[in-house]
Amino acid sequence: MLCKGNLPISLGLATLSLSASASTSLAAPEIKEFRLTINGEGTQVDSGETIKVRLANGKVLMVAIHQNQAKKFSASYFSFVHDRRVNVTSADLGNDAV
């Protein structure tokens, strides 16, 4: 069961509930950084947010999603790991590049 605030949503083998309280408003729905899906049921989650996952046997797991500080860049002939704060770009200079 997915829970946002106090509103549960049914899930087959597990139950999720967000530990942070959700505010209700008539504005557009809040878009979060990630989407967590378990058994086909999903919820949106921000990095660092903790979610309670209740298994069918009643056991509760605390799940948190965090971004790595490193990120991988891949191109045709090479790849490397770099700091997430750095944005890497590439450009094809064509066959005539010296």
C-alpha atoms as a PDB file:
ATOM      1  CA  MET A   1       0.000   0.000   0.000  1.00  0.00           C
ATOM      2  CA  LEU A   2       1.403   3.412  -0.974  1.00  0.00           C
ATOM      3  CA  CYS A   3       0.699   6.141   1.556  1.00  0.00           C
ATOM      4  CA  LYS A   4       1.049   9.837   0.899  1.00  0.00           C
ATOM      5  CA  GLY A   5       0.368  11.616   4.154  1.00  0.00           C
ATOM      6  CA  ASN A   6      -2.581   9.654   5.499  1.00  0.00           C
ATOM      7  CA  LEU A   7      -3.955   8.461   2.153  1.00  0.00           C
ATOM      8  CA  PRO A   8      -3.075   4.787   1.528  1.00  0.00           C
ATOM      9  CA  ILE A   9      -2.925   3.258  -1.959  1.00  0.00           C
ATOM     10  CA  SER A  10      -3.088  -0.538  -2.238  1.00  0.00           C
ATOM     11  CA  LEU A  11       0.038  -2.517  -3.225  1.00  0.00           C
ATOM     12  CA  GLY A  12       0.226  -6.296  -3.717  1.00  0.00           C
ATOM     13  CA  LEU A  13       3.150  -7.532  -1.582  1.00  0.00           C
ATOM     14  CA  ALA A  14       4.357  -4.388   0.198  1.00  0.00           C
ATOM     15  CA  THR A  15       3.118  -1.184   1.780  1.00  0.00           C
ATOM     16  CA  LEU A  16       4.838   2.180   1.315  1.00  0.00           C
ATOM     17  CA  SER A  17       4.255   5.329   3.326  1.00  0.00           C
ATOM     18  CA  LEU A  18       6.084   8.626   3.063  1.00  0.00           C
ATOM     19  CA  SER A  19       7.484   9.795   6.364  1.00  0.00           C
ATOM     20  CA  ALA A  20       7.192  13.455   5.351  1.00  0.00           C
ATOM     21  CA  SER A  21       3.725  14.965   5.576  1.00  0.00           C
ATOM     22  CA  ALA A  22       2.138  15.909   2.280  1.00  0.00           C
ATOM     23  CA  SER A  23       0.272  19.189   2.053  1.00  0.00           C
ATOM     24  CA  THR A  24      -2.989  19.378   0.160  1.00  0.00           C
ATOM     25  CA  SER A  25      -3.595  22.172  -2.296  1.00  0.00           C
ATOM     26  CA  LEU A  26      -5.447  22.870  -5.514  1.00  0.00           C
ATOM     27  CA  ALA A  27      -2.176  23.647  -7.324  1.00  0.00           C
ATOM     28  CA  ALA A  28      -0.562  21.333  -9.885  1.00  0.00           C
ATOM     29  CA  PRO A  29       0.693  18.021  -8.467  1.00  0.00           C
ATOM     30  CA  GLU A  30       4.174  18.099  -6.960  1.00  0.00           C
ATOM     31  CA  ILE A  31       6.851  16.606  -9.192  1.00  0.00           C
ATOM     32  CA  LYS A  32       9.672  14.904  -7.350  1.00  0.00           C
ATOM     33  CA  GLU A  33      13.151  13.915  -8.468  1.00  0.00           C
ATOM     34  CA  PHE A  34      12.621  10.137  -8.697  1.00  0.00           C
ATOM     35  CA  ARG A  35       9.810   7.618  -9.151  1.00  0.00           C
ATOM     36  CA  LEU A  36      10.038   4.496  -6.951  1.00  0.00           C
ATOM     37  CA  THR A  37       8.040   1.498  -8.190  1.00  0.00           C
ATOM     38  CA  ILE A  38       7.478  -1.737  -6.225  1.00  0.00           C
ATOM     39  CA  ASN A  39       5.269  -4.476  -7.682  1.00  0.00           C
ATOM     40  CA  GLY A  40       3.914  -2.101 -10.304  1.00  0.00           C
ATOM     41  CA  GLU A  41       2.778   0.566  -7.803  1.00  0.00           C
ATOM     42  CA  GLY A  42       4.829   3.729  -7.676  1.00  0.00           C
ATOM     43  CA  THR A  43       5.322   6.936  -5.794  1.00  0.00           C
ATOM     44  CA  GLN A  44       7.422  10.020  -6.418  1.00  0.00           C
ATOM     45  CA  VAL A  45      10.382  10.513  -4.095  1.00  0.00           C
ATOM     46  CA  ASP A  46      13.034  13.194  -3.643  1.00  0.00           C
ATOM     47  CA  SER A  47      16.670  12.370  -2.982  1.00  0.00           C
ATOM     48  CA  GLY A  48      17.190  11.864   0.758  1.00  0.00           C
ATOM     49  CA  GLU A  49      13.491  11.303   1.459  1.00  0.00           C
ATOM     50  CA  THR A  50      12.749   8.260   3.640  1.00  0.00           C
ATOM     51  CA  ILE A  51       9.920   5.878   2.786  1.00  0.00           C
ATOM     52  CA  LYS A  52       8.470   3.127   4.952  1.00  0.00           C
ATOM     53  CA  VAL A  53       7.946  -0.146   3.089  1.00  0.00           C
ATOM     54  CA  ARG A  54       5.645  -2.643   4.816  1.00  0.00           C
ATOM     55  CA  LEU A  55       6.056  -6.203   3.564  1.00  0.00           C
ATOM     56  CA  ALA A  56       3.165  -8.672   3.337  1.00  0.00           C
ATOM     57  CA  ASN A  57       4.408 -10.358   6.551  1.00  0.00           C
ATOM     58  CA  GLY A  58       4.085  -7.029   8.429  1.00  0.00           C
ATOM     59  CA  LYS A  59       7.808  -6.253   8.604  1.00  0.00           C
ATOM     60  CA  VAL A  60       8.572  -2.555   7.989  1.00  0.00           C
ATOM     61  CA  LEU A  61      11.666  -1.476   6.071  1.00  0.00           C
ATOM     62  CA  MET A  62      12.975   2.097   5.901  1.00  0.00           C
ATOM     63  CA  VAL A  63      14.057   2.958   2.339  1.00  0.00           C
ATOM     64  CA  ALA A  64      15.983   6.102   1.376  1.00  0.00           C
ATOM     65  CA  ILE A  65      17.132   7.137  -2.072  1.00  0.00           C
ATOM     66  CA  HIS A  66      20.334   9.186  -2.388  1.00  0.00           C
ATOM     67  CA  GLN A  67      22.206  10.361  -5.471  1.00  0.00           C
ATOM     68  CA  ASN A  68      25.827   9.320  -5.817  1.00  0.00           C
ATOM     69  CA  GLN A  69      28.346  12.164  -5.735  1.00  0.00           C
ATOM     70  CA  ALA A  70      29.898  10.735  -8.897  1.00  0.00           C
ATOM     71  CA  LYS A  71      28.338  10.442 -12.332  1.00  0.00           C
ATOM     72  CA  LYS A  72      29.414   8.435 -15.413  1.00  0.00           C
ATOM     73  CA  PHE A  73      29.894  10.009 -18.845  1.00  0.00           C
ATOM     74  CA  SER A  74      29.966   7.675 -21.866  1.00  0.00           C
ATOM     75  CA  ALA A  75      30.887   8.473 -25.465  1.00  0.00           C
ATOM     76  CA  SER A  76      31.547   6.246 -28.492  1.00  0.00           C
ATOM     77  CA  TYR A  77      35.143   5.344 -27.618  1.00  0.00           C
ATOM     78  CA  PHE A  78      35.577   6.230 -23.951  1.00  0.00           C
ATOM     79  CA  SER A  79      33.824   6.754 -20.644  1.00  0.00           C
ATOM     80  CA  PHE A  80      34.821   8.231 -17.303  1.00  0.00           C
ATOM     81  CA  VAL A  81      33.458   9.052 -13.858  1.00  0.00           C
ATOM     82  CA  HIS A  82      33.251  12.665 -12.725  1.00  0.00           C
ATOM     83  CA  ASP A  83      31.829  14.804  -9.936  1.00  0.00           C
ATOM     84  CA  ARG A  84      28.043  15.210 -10.245  1.00  0.00           C
ATOM     85  CA  ARG A  85      28.355  19.008  -9.970  1.00  0.00           C
ATOM     86  CA  VAL A  86      30.224  19.100 -13.314  1.00  0.00           C
ATOM     87  CA  ASN A  87      28.235  18.931 -16.562  1.00  0.00           C
ATOM     88  CA  VAL A  88      30.150  17.182 -19.338  1.00  0.00           C
ATOM     89  CA  THR A  89      29.403  17.769 -23.009  1.00  0.00           C
ATOM     90  CA  SER A  90      30.974  16.498 -26.206  1.00  0.00           C
ATOM     91  CA  ALA A  91      31.051  17.718 -29.800  1.00  0.00           C
ATOM     92  CA  ASP A  92      31.807  15.861 -33.028  1.00  0.00           C
ATOM     93  CA  LEU A  93      34.316  18.030 -34.903  1.00  0.00           C
ATOM     94  CA  GLY A  94      34.028  15.910 -38.045  1.00  0.00           C
ATOM     95  CA  ASN A  95      36.699  14.146 -40.110  1.00  0.00           C
ATOM     96  CA  ASP A  96      38.557  17.348 -41.020  1.00  0.00           C
ATOM     97  CA  ALA A  97      39.477  18.237 -37.411  1.00  0.00           C
ATOM     98  CA  VAL A  98      43.215  18.630 -36.842  1.00  0.00           C
END
